[in-house]
């Protein structure tokens, strides 16, 4: 349910990411959830995959938020 909601939100934000930066900001903390690493059955390979996927998502989300911040400040 949450994944579907963020999918719709990111689709809307893709049209104008600077205007919809609150949607992007809402999804950013979810990428760094420490609860993923608290699972007892998490293998080292799965841990590396989780970190890699999160970093791949953090970079564009961070760049969108940086551009929005620069637009607001100027």
Protein backbone atom coordinates (compact mmCIF):
# COMPACT_ATOMS: atom_id res chain seq x y z
CA UNK A 1 0.00 0.00 0.00
CA UNK A 2 2.73 2.46 0.93
CA UNK A 3 4.80 1.47 -2.11
CA UNK A 4 1.85 2.17 -4.39
CA UNK A 5 1.29 5.53 -2.74
CA UNK A 6 4.90 6.57 -3.21
CA UNK A 7 4.81 5.32 -6.79
CA UNK A 8 1.91 7.65 -7.54
CA UNK A 9 3.61 10.49 -5.66
CA UNK A 10 6.92 10.05 -7.49
CA UNK A 11 5.07 9.90 -10.82
CA UNK A 12 3.47 13.25 -10.04
CA UNK A 13 6.78 14.67 -8.79
CA UNK A 14 8.50 13.59 -12.00
CA UNK A 15 6.39 16.08 -13.92
CA UNK A 16 7.79 19.01 -11.92
CA UNK A 17 10.17 17.83 -9.22
CA UNK A 18 10.95 21.27 -7.84
CA UNK A 19 7.29 22.12 -7.26
CA UNK A 20 6.55 18.72 -5.74
CA UNK A 21 9.70 18.52 -3.62
CA UNK A 22 7.66 17.81 -0.44
CA UNK A 23 6.67 14.48 -1.99
CA UNK A 24 10.33 13.72 -2.58
CA UNK A 25 11.24 14.84 0.91
CA UNK A 26 8.61 12.51 2.34
CA UNK A 27 10.16 9.51 0.62
CA UNK A 28 13.77 10.27 1.50
CA UNK A 29 13.77 9.09 5.14
CA UNK A 30 12.15 5.81 4.15
CA UNK A 31 15.25 4.91 2.17
CA UNK A 32 17.42 4.94 5.30
CA UNK A 33 15.24 2.80 7.53
CA UNK A 34 17.43 1.00 10.08
CA UNK A 35 14.70 -1.61 10.61
CA UNK A 36 15.89 -3.40 7.46
CA UNK A 37 19.15 -4.26 9.19
CA UNK A 38 17.53 -5.49 12.40
CA UNK A 39 16.22 -8.67 10.80
CA UNK A 40 17.89 -11.79 12.14
CA UNK A 41 17.74 -13.58 8.78
CA UNK A 42 19.49 -10.83 6.79
CA UNK A 43 22.45 -12.30 4.93
CA UNK A 44 25.54 -10.23 4.10
CA UNK A 45 24.60 -10.29 0.42
CA UNK A 46 21.13 -8.97 1.19
CA UNK A 47 22.65 -6.24 3.36
CA UNK A 48 24.92 -5.10 0.54
CA UNK A 49 21.99 -5.11 -1.89
CA UNK A 50 19.88 -3.04 0.51
CA UNK A 51 22.61 -0.44 0.99
CA UNK A 52 23.28 -0.25 -2.75
CA UNK A 53 19.61 0.18 -3.62
CA UNK A 54 19.24 2.89 -0.99
CA UNK A 55 22.29 4.80 -2.22
CA UNK A 56 21.04 4.63 -5.81
CA UNK A 57 17.77 6.19 -4.67
CA UNK A 58 19.31 8.75 -2.29
CA UNK A 59 21.42 10.39 -5.00
CA UNK A 60 18.58 11.54 -7.31
CA UNK A 61 16.28 12.37 -4.39
CA UNK A 62 19.03 14.43 -2.78
CA UNK A 63 19.77 16.25 -6.04
CA UNK A 64 16.09 17.12 -6.48
CA UNK A 65 15.91 18.50 -2.94
CA UNK A 66 19.15 20.43 -3.41
CA UNK A 67 17.80 22.04 -6.60
CA UNK A 68 14.53 22.91 -4.81
CA UNK A 69 16.45 24.44 -1.90
CA UNK A 70 18.59 26.52 -4.27
CA UNK A 71 15.48 27.74 -6.08
CA UNK A 72 13.81 28.75 -2.82
CA UNK A 73 16.91 30.54 -1.51
CA UNK A 74 17.57 32.52 -4.69
